[in-house]
Amino acid sequence: MVPVLAFLLGFALGWHRAKARGGDRLDKLQYAAVHGIFFTMLAFVGIVILERLTVP
């Protein structure tokens, strides 16, 4: 569930950043996709770190 939320948050942030820079629809989609993927990867890394730090 966390990676899905991270993707949606990144997607929204990327869309907003492209819109603020005056990008067209394809620019917004590219920014949104890249931000979404990046946030998802950060979420996966965070999950792995938390799993490694927990006591078995």
N, C-alpha and C. Protein backbone atom coordinates (compact mmCIF):
# COMPACT_ATOMS: atom_id res chain seq x y z
N MET A 1 0.82 -1.20 0.00
CA MET A 1 0.00 0.00 0.00
C MET A 1 0.87 1.26 0.00
N VAL A 2 1.97 1.20 0.70
CA VAL A 2 2.85 2.37 0.77
C VAL A 2 3.42 2.73 -0.60
N PRO A 3 3.89 1.75 -1.41
CA PRO A 3 4.40 2.14 -2.74
C PRO A 3 3.33 2.77 -3.63
N VAL A 4 2.10 2.32 -3.52
CA VAL A 4 1.03 2.90 -4.33
C VAL A 4 0.79 4.35 -3.92
N LEU A 5 0.77 4.60 -2.63
CA LEU A 5 0.59 5.98 -2.15
C LEU A 5 1.78 6.85 -2.54
N ALA A 6 2.98 6.28 -2.47
CA ALA A 6 4.17 7.03 -2.87
C ALA A 6 4.11 7.38 -4.35
N PHE A 7 3.66 6.43 -5.18
CA PHE A 7 3.53 6.71 -6.61
C PHE A 7 2.52 7.83 -6.86
N LEU A 8 1.38 7.76 -6.20
CA LEU A 8 0.35 8.79 -6.40
C LEU A 8 0.83 10.16 -5.94
N LEU A 9 1.55 10.20 -4.82
CA LEU A 9 2.09 11.46 -4.33
C LEU A 9 3.12 12.01 -5.31
N GLY A 10 4.01 11.16 -5.79
CA GLY A 10 5.01 11.59 -6.76
C GLY A 10 4.38 12.03 -8.07
N PHE A 11 3.36 11.31 -8.50
CA PHE A 11 2.65 11.67 -9.73
C PHE A 11 2.05 13.07 -9.60
N ALA A 12 1.39 13.32 -8.49
CA ALA A 12 0.77 14.63 -8.28
C ALA A 12 1.83 15.74 -8.20
N LEU A 13 2.93 15.46 -7.52
CA LEU A 13 3.99 16.46 -7.41
C LEU A 13 4.62 16.75 -8.77
N GLY A 14 4.88 15.71 -9.55
CA GLY A 14 5.45 15.91 -10.88
C GLY A 14 4.53 16.69 -11.79
N TRP A 15 3.25 16.36 -11.73
CA TRP A 15 2.26 17.09 -12.55
C TRP A 15 2.25 18.57 -12.17
N HIS A 16 2.28 18.84 -10.88
CA HIS A 16 2.25 20.22 -10.39
C HIS A 16 3.51 20.98 -10.83
N ARG A 17 4.66 20.33 -10.71
CA ARG A 17 5.92 20.99 -11.10
C ARG A 17 5.94 21.31 -12.58
N ALA A 18 5.48 20.39 -13.42
CA ALA A 18 5.45 20.64 -14.86
C ALA A 18 4.45 21.74 -15.20
N LYS A 19 3.34 21.75 -14.50
CA LYS A 19 2.33 22.79 -14.73
C LYS A 19 2.88 24.16 -14.34
N ALA A 20 3.62 24.21 -13.24
CA ALA A 20 4.19 25.48 -12.79
C ALA A 20 5.24 26.00 -13.76
N ARG A 21 5.90 25.09 -14.48
CA ARG A 21 6.91 25.51 -15.45
C ARG A 21 6.32 25.77 -16.83
N GLY A 22 5.01 25.65 -16.96
CA GLY A 22 4.35 25.96 -18.22
C GLY A 22 4.42 24.84 -19.25
N GLY A 23 4.52 23.60 -18.81
CA GLY A 23 4.62 22.49 -19.74
C GLY A 23 3.27 22.11 -20.34
N ASP A 24 3.33 21.47 -21.50
CA ASP A 24 2.09 21.00 -22.11
C ASP A 24 1.72 19.63 -21.52
N ARG A 25 0.73 18.98 -22.09
CA ARG A 25 0.20 17.73 -21.52
C ARG A 25 1.26 16.63 -21.46
N LEU A 26 2.07 16.49 -22.51
CA LEU A 26 3.09 15.45 -22.52
C LEU A 26 4.20 15.74 -21.51
N ASP A 27 4.55 17.00 -21.33
CA ASP A 27 5.53 17.37 -20.31
C ASP A 27 5.01 16.99 -18.92
N LYS A 28 3.74 17.28 -18.68
CA LYS A 28 3.14 16.96 -17.38
C LYS A 28 3.14 15.46 -17.14
N LEU A 29 2.81 14.68 -18.17
CA LEU A 29 2.81 13.23 -18.03
C LEU A 29 4.21 12.69 -17.78
N GLN A 30 5.20 13.24 -18.46
CA GLN A 30 6.57 12.77 -18.26
C GLN A 30 7.06 13.10 -16.85
N TYR A 31 6.87 14.32 -16.42
CA TYR A 31 7.28 14.71 -15.07
C TYR A 31 6.56 13.85 -14.03
N ALA A 32 5.26 13.66 -14.23
CA ALA A 32 4.47 12.88 -13.28
C ALA A 32 4.96 11.44 -13.22
N ALA A 33 5.22 10.83 -14.37
CA ALA A 33 5.69 9.44 -14.39
C ALA A 33 7.05 9.30 -13.72
N VAL A 34 7.96 10.19 -14.03
CA VAL A 34 9.31 10.10 -13.44
C VAL A 34 9.26 10.32 -11.94
N HIS A 35 8.51 11.30 -11.49
CA HIS A 35 8.39 11.54 -10.05
C HIS A 35 7.70 10.36 -9.36
N GLY A 36 6.67 9.82 -9.99
CA GLY A 36 5.99 8.67 -9.42
C GLY A 36 6.90 7.47 -9.27
N ILE A 37 7.68 7.18 -10.29
CA ILE A 37 8.61 6.05 -10.23
C ILE A 37 9.69 6.30 -9.17
N PHE A 38 10.21 7.51 -9.12
CA PHE A 38 11.24 7.84 -8.14
C PHE A 38 10.72 7.70 -6.71
N PHE A 39 9.53 8.22 -6.45
CA PHE A 39 8.96 8.10 -5.10
C PHE A 39 8.68 6.65 -4.75
N THR A 40 8.25 5.86 -5.72
CA THR A 40 8.00 4.44 -5.48
C THR A 40 9.30 3.72 -5.13
N MET A 41 10.37 4.03 -5.85
CA MET A 41 11.66 3.41 -5.54
C MET A 41 12.14 3.81 -4.15
N LEU A 42 11.95 5.07 -3.77
CA LEU A 42 12.31 5.50 -2.43
C LEU A 42 11.49 4.75 -1.38
N ALA A 43 10.22 4.52 -1.66
CA ALA A 43 9.37 3.78 -0.72
C ALA A 43 9.87 2.35 -0.57
N PHE A 44 10.24 1.70 -1.68
CA PHE A 44 10.76 0.33 -1.61
C PHE A 44 12.06 0.27 -0.81
N VAL A 45 12.94 1.23 -1.02
CA VAL A 45 14.20 1.26 -0.27
C VAL A 45 13.91 1.47 1.22
N GLY A 46 12.99 2.36 1.52
CA GLY A 46 12.61 2.57 2.92
C GLY A 46 12.02 1.33 3.55
N ILE A 47 11.21 0.61 2.83
CA ILE A 47 10.61 -0.62 3.34
C ILE A 47 11.69 -1.66 3.62
N VAL A 48 12.63 -1.80 2.69
CA VAL A 48 13.71 -2.77 2.88
C VAL A 48 14.56 -2.41 4.10
N ILE A 49 14.88 -1.14 4.23
CA ILE A 49 15.68 -0.70 5.39
C ILE A 49 14.93 -0.97 6.69
N LEU A 50 13.64 -0.65 6.73
CA LEU A 50 12.86 -0.90 7.94
C LEU A 50 12.77 -2.39 8.26
N GLU A 51 12.63 -3.21 7.23
CA GLU A 51 12.57 -4.65 7.44
C GLU A 51 13.91 -5.19 7.96
N ARG A 52 14.99 -4.64 7.48
CA ARG A 52 16.32 -5.09 7.93
C ARG A 52 16.60 -4.66 9.36
N LEU A 53 16.06 -3.52 9.77
CA LEU A 53 16.32 -3.00 11.11
C LEU A 53 15.44 -3.61 12.19
N THR A 54 14.35 -4.24 11.79
CA THR A 54 13.45 -4.82 12.79
C THR A 54 14.07 -6.08 13.36
N VAL A 55 13.78 -6.32 14.62
CA VAL A 55 14.31 -7.49 15.31
C VAL A 55 13.44 -8.69 14.97
N PRO A 56 14.05 -9.81 14.57
CA PRO A 56 13.25 -10.98 14.18
C PRO A 56 12.47 -11.60 15.32
